[in-house]
Amino acid sequence: MRNDFAAIIISHKRPECSTYRVLRECGYTGKVFVVIDDGDPSKEDYQERYGDSLRVFHKEVNFDIGDNFDGPNSIATFSRNYCWTVAEDEGLNAFLMLDDDLEQMSYRYVKDGHLKGKKAQNLDWLFENVYDWLMGSNMGCISFGNAMDYIGGAERLNRAKRSVMNAFFFKAERRFEFCGRYSEDVISPLIQNKTGNCMLGHTGVQAQFDVWTAGKPTEDGGCQSAYKDNSSFTLRFYNILWNPDCVYLKYNGAEWIAITQERYAYPMIISERHRK
């Protein structure tokens, strides 16, 4: 695997870090860095497991957090912003930012009219090709599919999607600031897409995270304590603060969810017939 690329995993109180294991099981042999903050009570366990691959930082609110509350600060925005520093320090041209609850990487395809999946076992090959495509384009980020992208079956496959989240394959030179106490992984890429730093999702590859596994209780660690202490309305309303022109909230009977209206969110090519 090339030396100017790495997978960077943001983690908190999950030293077993399923993402690290899944990457290796699926054939990735390149650099991996695990990012935690210096207040993590599991820091010694992380150090024992990951050694020189561990990167520890101190949380500072040096970004737009979106409120004037005193906390909580058990959120991912700090770690996401620190990943750019890791990329700069390590001389990376591109990196894959991942949460720490990855369960599987798989290829999705259609066979006999049905949507199928196969576990990825050659991630070096996949990442090399994504790297080449990204660096040869004017894109800032490529993302992989998550569970919701496949609702609807075969017809949903290989539709380029403008929303990106969970697994971010970033071009390092396109550094930007994640913002928001919550929903930063939705808010910030949406802002970037709206303002010219184009990001696209590729559903031919699925990154399956624990948080999207239906019926499975999400493990402790990560941002779970902050999520449990706040209502779904509070968590999702941060989307409205940054993107009131294209996001609204909807109650589905169990919780509030944020809906992005793509026709208002992303720049579009105007037909030549409107040229004056």
Protein backbone atom coordinates (compact mmCIF):
# COMPACT_ATOMS: atom_id res chain seq x y z
CA MET A 1 0.00 0.00 0.00
CA ARG A 2 1.30 3.47 -0.85
CA ASN A 3 3.09 5.50 1.82
CA ASP A 4 1.26 8.82 1.37
CA PHE A 5 -2.11 7.39 2.40
CA ALA A 6 -3.46 6.16 5.74
CA ALA A 7 -6.68 5.14 7.44
CA ILE A 8 -7.35 7.38 10.45
CA ILE A 9 -9.80 6.03 13.04
CA ILE A 10 -11.42 8.40 15.52
CA SER A 11 -12.16 6.59 18.77
CA HIS A 12 -13.25 7.09 22.37
CA LYS A 13 -13.48 4.51 25.16
CA ARG A 14 -13.41 1.63 22.65
CA PRO A 15 -9.82 0.36 22.70
CA GLU A 16 -10.85 -2.93 21.08
CA CYS A 17 -11.80 -0.75 18.06
CA SER A 18 -13.61 -3.05 15.63
CA THR A 19 -12.64 -0.77 12.73
CA TYR A 20 -8.94 -1.62 13.06
CA ARG A 21 -9.72 -5.34 13.06
CA VAL A 22 -12.08 -5.13 10.06
CA LEU A 23 -9.55 -3.19 7.96
CA ARG A 24 -6.90 -5.87 8.52
CA GLU A 25 -9.37 -8.74 7.98
CA CYS A 26 -10.42 -7.19 4.67
CA GLY A 27 -6.88 -7.05 3.33
CA TYR A 28 -5.65 -3.56 4.16
CA THR A 29 -1.90 -3.60 4.92
CA GLY A 30 -1.17 0.13 4.95
CA LYS A 31 -0.84 2.77 7.65
CA VAL A 32 -3.50 3.06 10.34
CA PHE A 33 -3.61 5.78 12.97
CA VAL A 34 -5.99 5.71 15.94
CA VAL A 35 -6.94 9.15 17.32
CA ILE A 36 -8.09 9.67 20.91
CA ASP A 37 -8.18 12.62 23.30
CA ASP A 38 -5.94 12.89 26.35
CA GLY A 39 -8.92 12.61 28.70
CA ASP A 40 -9.90 9.14 27.51
CA PRO A 41 -9.93 6.80 30.55
CA SER A 42 -8.88 3.91 28.29
CA LYS A 43 -5.73 5.67 27.09
CA GLU A 44 -3.32 3.10 28.54
CA ASP A 45 -5.22 0.25 26.91
CA TYR A 46 -5.06 2.06 23.57
CA GLN A 47 -1.33 2.60 24.00
CA GLU A 48 -0.75 -1.06 24.72
CA ARG A 49 -2.73 -2.16 21.67
CA TYR A 50 -1.65 0.37 19.05
CA GLY A 51 1.71 1.70 20.20
CA ASP A 52 3.26 4.04 17.61
CA SER A 53 0.01 4.10 15.64
CA LEU A 54 -1.79 5.97 18.44
CA ARG A 55 -2.20 9.75 18.22
CA VAL A 56 -3.36 11.63 21.34
CA PHE A 57 -4.58 15.23 21.32
CA HIS A 58 -6.05 17.76 23.74
CA LYS A 59 -9.58 19.01 23.12
CA GLU A 60 -9.88 22.73 22.43
CA VAL A 61 -12.96 24.50 21.15
CA ASN A 62 -11.23 26.18 18.22
CA PHE A 63 -14.10 25.65 15.79
CA ASP A 64 -17.72 26.82 15.57
CA ILE A 65 -19.47 24.54 18.03
CA GLY A 66 -22.87 26.10 17.35
CA ASP A 67 -23.99 26.96 20.89
CA ASN A 68 -22.90 28.62 24.13
CA PHE A 69 -23.43 25.58 26.38
CA ASP A 70 -20.81 24.32 28.83
CA GLY A 71 -20.85 20.83 27.36
CA PRO A 72 -20.84 17.96 26.95
CA ASN A 73 -17.61 17.69 24.99
CA SER A 74 -17.82 13.93 24.47
CA ILE A 75 -18.39 14.56 20.78
CA ALA A 76 -16.55 13.60 17.60
CA THR A 77 -15.98 17.06 16.13
CA PHE A 78 -12.71 17.55 18.02
CA SER A 79 -11.28 14.28 16.70
CA ARG A 80 -12.41 14.88 13.14
CA ASN A 81 -10.64 18.22 13.01
CA TYR A 82 -7.48 16.74 14.51
CA CYS A 83 -7.30 14.17 11.69
CA TRP A 84 -6.15 16.92 9.34
CA THR A 85 -3.24 17.61 11.67
CA VAL A 86 -2.30 13.92 11.64
CA ALA A 87 -2.41 13.94 7.83
CA GLU A 88 -0.16 17.00 7.71
CA ASP A 89 2.31 15.64 10.27
CA GLU A 90 2.57 12.31 8.42
CA GLY A 91 2.92 13.85 4.96
CA LEU A 92 -0.25 12.25 3.60
CA ASN A 93 -1.83 13.23 0.28
CA ALA A 94 -5.09 11.47 1.14
CA PHE A 95 -6.63 9.65 4.09
CA LEU A 96 -9.70 7.64 5.00
CA MET A 97 -11.46 8.93 8.12
CA LEU A 98 -13.48 6.23 9.87
CA ASP A 99 -15.51 5.92 13.07
CA ASP A 100 -14.44 3.17 15.46
CA ASP A 101 -17.50 0.89 15.12
CA LEU A 102 -17.00 -0.46 11.59
CA GLU A 103 -18.42 -3.99 11.31
CA GLN A 104 -17.78 -4.88 7.68
CA MET A 105 -16.60 -3.61 4.30
CA SER A 106 -18.39 -5.17 1.35
CA TYR A 107 -18.97 -4.84 -2.38
CA ARG A 108 -22.60 -4.42 -3.44
CA TYR A 109 -23.80 -5.62 -6.84
CA VAL A 110 -26.91 -6.73 -8.70
CA LYS A 111 -27.42 -10.35 -9.74
CA ASP A 112 -30.61 -11.66 -11.33
CA GLY A 113 -32.32 -8.42 -10.45
CA HIS A 114 -31.49 -8.67 -6.74
CA LEU A 115 -29.09 -6.63 -4.66
CA LYS A 116 -26.23 -8.79 -3.37
CA GLY A 117 -23.19 -8.25 -1.19
CA LYS A 118 -19.73 -9.80 -0.85
CA LYS A 119 -17.18 -9.18 1.87
CA ALA A 120 -14.25 -7.09 0.63
CA GLN A 121 -10.96 -8.95 0.93
CA ASN A 122 -8.67 -6.70 -1.11
CA LEU A 123 -8.85 -3.25 0.46
CA ASP A 124 -5.32 -2.38 -0.67
CA TRP A 125 -6.50 -2.69 -4.27
CA LEU A 126 -9.70 -0.75 -3.55
CA PHE A 127 -7.99 2.10 -1.71
CA GLU A 128 -5.25 2.39 -4.35
CA ASN A 129 -7.89 2.80 -7.06
CA VAL A 130 -9.97 5.27 -5.06
CA TYR A 131 -6.79 7.23 -4.32
CA ASP A 132 -5.85 7.40 -8.02
CA TRP A 133 -9.35 8.51 -9.01
CA LEU A 134 -9.60 11.12 -6.26
CA MET A 135 -6.17 12.64 -6.84
CA GLY A 136 -6.81 12.84 -10.58
CA SER A 137 -10.09 14.68 -10.09
CA ASN A 138 -11.21 18.02 -8.73
CA MET A 139 -13.12 16.28 -5.94
CA GLY A 140 -12.44 16.82 -2.26
CA CYS A 141 -13.91 13.59 -0.93
CA ILE A 142 -15.30 10.20 -1.90
CA SER A 143 -17.51 8.33 0.55
CA PHE A 144 -18.83 4.79 0.65
CA GLY A 145 -22.42 3.67 1.12
CA ASN A 146 -24.13 3.14 4.47
CA ALA A 147 -27.08 0.88 5.25
CA MET A 148 -29.76 3.47 4.43
CA ASP A 149 -28.42 3.93 0.89
CA TYR A 150 -29.66 0.48 -0.11
CA ILE A 151 -33.26 0.81 0.97
CA GLY A 152 -35.17 0.05 -2.21
CA GLY A 153 -32.89 -2.74 -3.40
CA ALA A 154 -31.23 -3.08 -6.78
CA GLU A 155 -32.60 0.17 -8.18
CA ARG A 156 -30.63 2.13 -5.61
CA LEU A 157 -27.23 0.74 -6.54
CA ASN A 158 -24.60 2.87 -8.28
CA ARG A 159 -26.57 6.04 -8.07
CA ALA A 160 -24.07 8.79 -7.33
CA LYS A 161 -25.13 10.41 -4.10
CA ARG A 162 -24.26 13.91 -2.99
CA SER A 163 -24.46 13.15 0.72
CA VAL A 164 -21.39 11.67 2.41
CA MET A 165 -20.97 10.38 5.95
CA ASN A 166 -19.28 7.81 8.22
CA ALA A 167 -16.46 6.82 5.83
CA PHE A 168 -14.68 9.83 4.31
CA PHE A 169 -11.88 9.38 1.74
CA PHE A 170 -10.40 12.90 1.86
CA LYS A 171 -7.89 14.72 -0.29
CA ALA A 172 -5.54 16.16 2.35
CA GLU A 173 -4.95 19.47 0.59
CA ARG A 174 -8.67 20.29 0.85
CA ARG A 175 -8.57 20.91 4.57
CA PHE A 176 -11.74 22.34 6.11
CA GLU A 177 -13.30 22.67 9.54
CA PHE A 178 -15.90 20.30 10.90
CA CYS A 179 -18.38 22.31 12.95
CA GLY A 180 -21.25 21.66 15.33
CA ARG A 181 -21.59 19.95 18.68
CA TYR A 182 -23.75 17.26 17.09
CA SER A 183 -24.45 16.11 13.51
CA GLU A 184 -21.05 17.45 12.41
CA ASP A 185 -20.61 14.57 9.97
CA VAL A 186 -23.73 15.71 8.10
CA ILE A 187 -23.52 19.48 8.59
CA SER A 188 -19.93 20.01 7.46
CA PRO A 189 -19.87 17.96 4.22
CA LEU A 190 -23.15 19.59 3.22
CA ILE A 191 -21.63 23.04 3.68
CA GLN A 192 -18.59 21.98 1.66
CA ASN A 193 -20.70 20.62 -1.19
CA LYS A 194 -22.75 23.81 -1.27
CA THR A 195 -19.69 26.02 -1.50
CA GLY A 196 -17.62 24.23 -4.15
CA ASN A 197 -15.64 21.50 -2.38
CA CYS A 198 -17.41 18.70 -4.20
CA MET A 199 -17.98 15.40 -2.36
CA LEU A 200 -19.71 12.31 -3.70
CA GLY A 201 -20.82 8.94 -2.35
CA HIS A 202 -20.12 5.64 -4.12
CA THR A 203 -22.60 2.91 -3.24
CA GLY A 204 -20.72 0.11 -4.97
CA VAL A 205 -18.83 -0.24 -1.69
CA GLN A 206 -20.62 -0.42 1.66
CA ALA A 207 -19.08 0.46 4.99
CA GLN A 208 -21.35 -1.15 7.59
CA PHE A 209 -21.18 0.56 10.98
CA ASP A 210 -22.68 -0.63 14.25
CA VAL A 211 -24.89 2.43 14.51
CA TRP A 212 -26.77 1.40 11.32
CA THR A 213 -27.38 -2.23 12.35
CA ALA A 214 -31.11 -2.60 12.89
CA GLY A 215 -32.14 -4.17 16.17
CA LYS A 216 -28.63 -4.19 17.59
CA PRO A 217 -27.99 -2.12 20.72
CA THR A 218 -25.16 0.30 20.05
CA GLU A 219 -22.14 -0.41 22.22
CA ASP A 220 -20.92 2.03 24.85
CA GLY A 221 -18.12 4.45 24.15
CA GLY A 222 -17.87 6.82 21.23
CA CYS A 223 -20.43 9.61 21.66
CA GLN A 224 -23.10 7.38 23.20
CA SER A 225 -23.20 9.17 26.57
CA ALA A 226 -23.86 12.51 24.88
CA TYR A 227 -26.52 10.99 22.63
CA LYS A 228 -28.32 9.36 25.56
CA ASP A 229 -28.39 12.63 27.52
CA ASN A 230 -30.06 14.61 24.73
CA SER A 231 -33.32 14.32 22.83
CA SER A 232 -33.28 13.44 19.14
CA PHE A 233 -34.74 16.91 18.50
CA THR A 234 -31.71 18.58 20.11
CA LEU A 235 -29.25 16.34 18.28
CA ARG A 236 -30.81 16.93 14.86
CA PHE A 237 -31.61 20.62 15.26
CA TYR A 238 -27.94 21.50 14.78
CA ASN A 239 -28.52 20.63 11.12
CA ILE A 240 -31.06 23.47 10.94
CA LEU A 241 -28.66 25.98 12.50
CA TRP A 242 -26.16 25.61 9.66
CA ASN A 243 -28.38 24.71 6.72
CA PRO A 244 -31.85 26.22 7.26
CA ASP A 245 -32.25 26.67 3.50
CA CYS A 246 -32.33 22.97 2.70
CA VAL A 247 -32.84 20.89 5.87
CA TYR A 248 -35.99 20.29 7.90
CA LEU A 249 -36.89 17.99 10.79
CA LYS A 250 -39.46 15.22 10.62
CA TYR A 251 -40.84 13.04 13.41
CA ASN A 252 -41.12 9.39 12.35
CA GLY A 253 -43.06 8.21 15.39
CA ALA A 254 -39.99 7.26 17.39
CA GLU A 255 -37.52 10.10 16.97
CA TRP A 256 -36.77 13.28 15.07
CA ILE A 257 -34.73 12.93 11.88
CA ALA A 258 -33.13 15.57 9.67
CA ILE A 259 -34.17 15.57 6.01
CA THR A 260 -31.96 17.23 3.38
CA GLN A 261 -33.80 18.59 0.35
CA GLU A 262 -31.21 17.95 -2.33
CA ARG A 263 -32.74 20.30 -4.90
CA TYR A 264 -32.03 23.19 -2.54
CA ALA A 265 -28.79 21.85 -1.07
CA TYR A 266 -26.45 21.27 -3.98
CA PRO A 267 -25.36 23.34 -6.99
CA MET A 268 -26.82 22.08 -10.26
CA ILE A 269 -25.96 22.55 -13.92
CA ILE A 270 -28.44 24.92 -15.53
CA SER A 271 -29.73 24.01 -18.97
CA GLU A 272 -28.29 25.99 -21.90
CA ARG A 273 -31.82 27.07 -22.82
CA HIS A 274 -31.71 29.53 -19.93
CA ARG A 275 -28.60 31.29 -21.28
CA LYS A 276 -29.23 34.99 -21.92
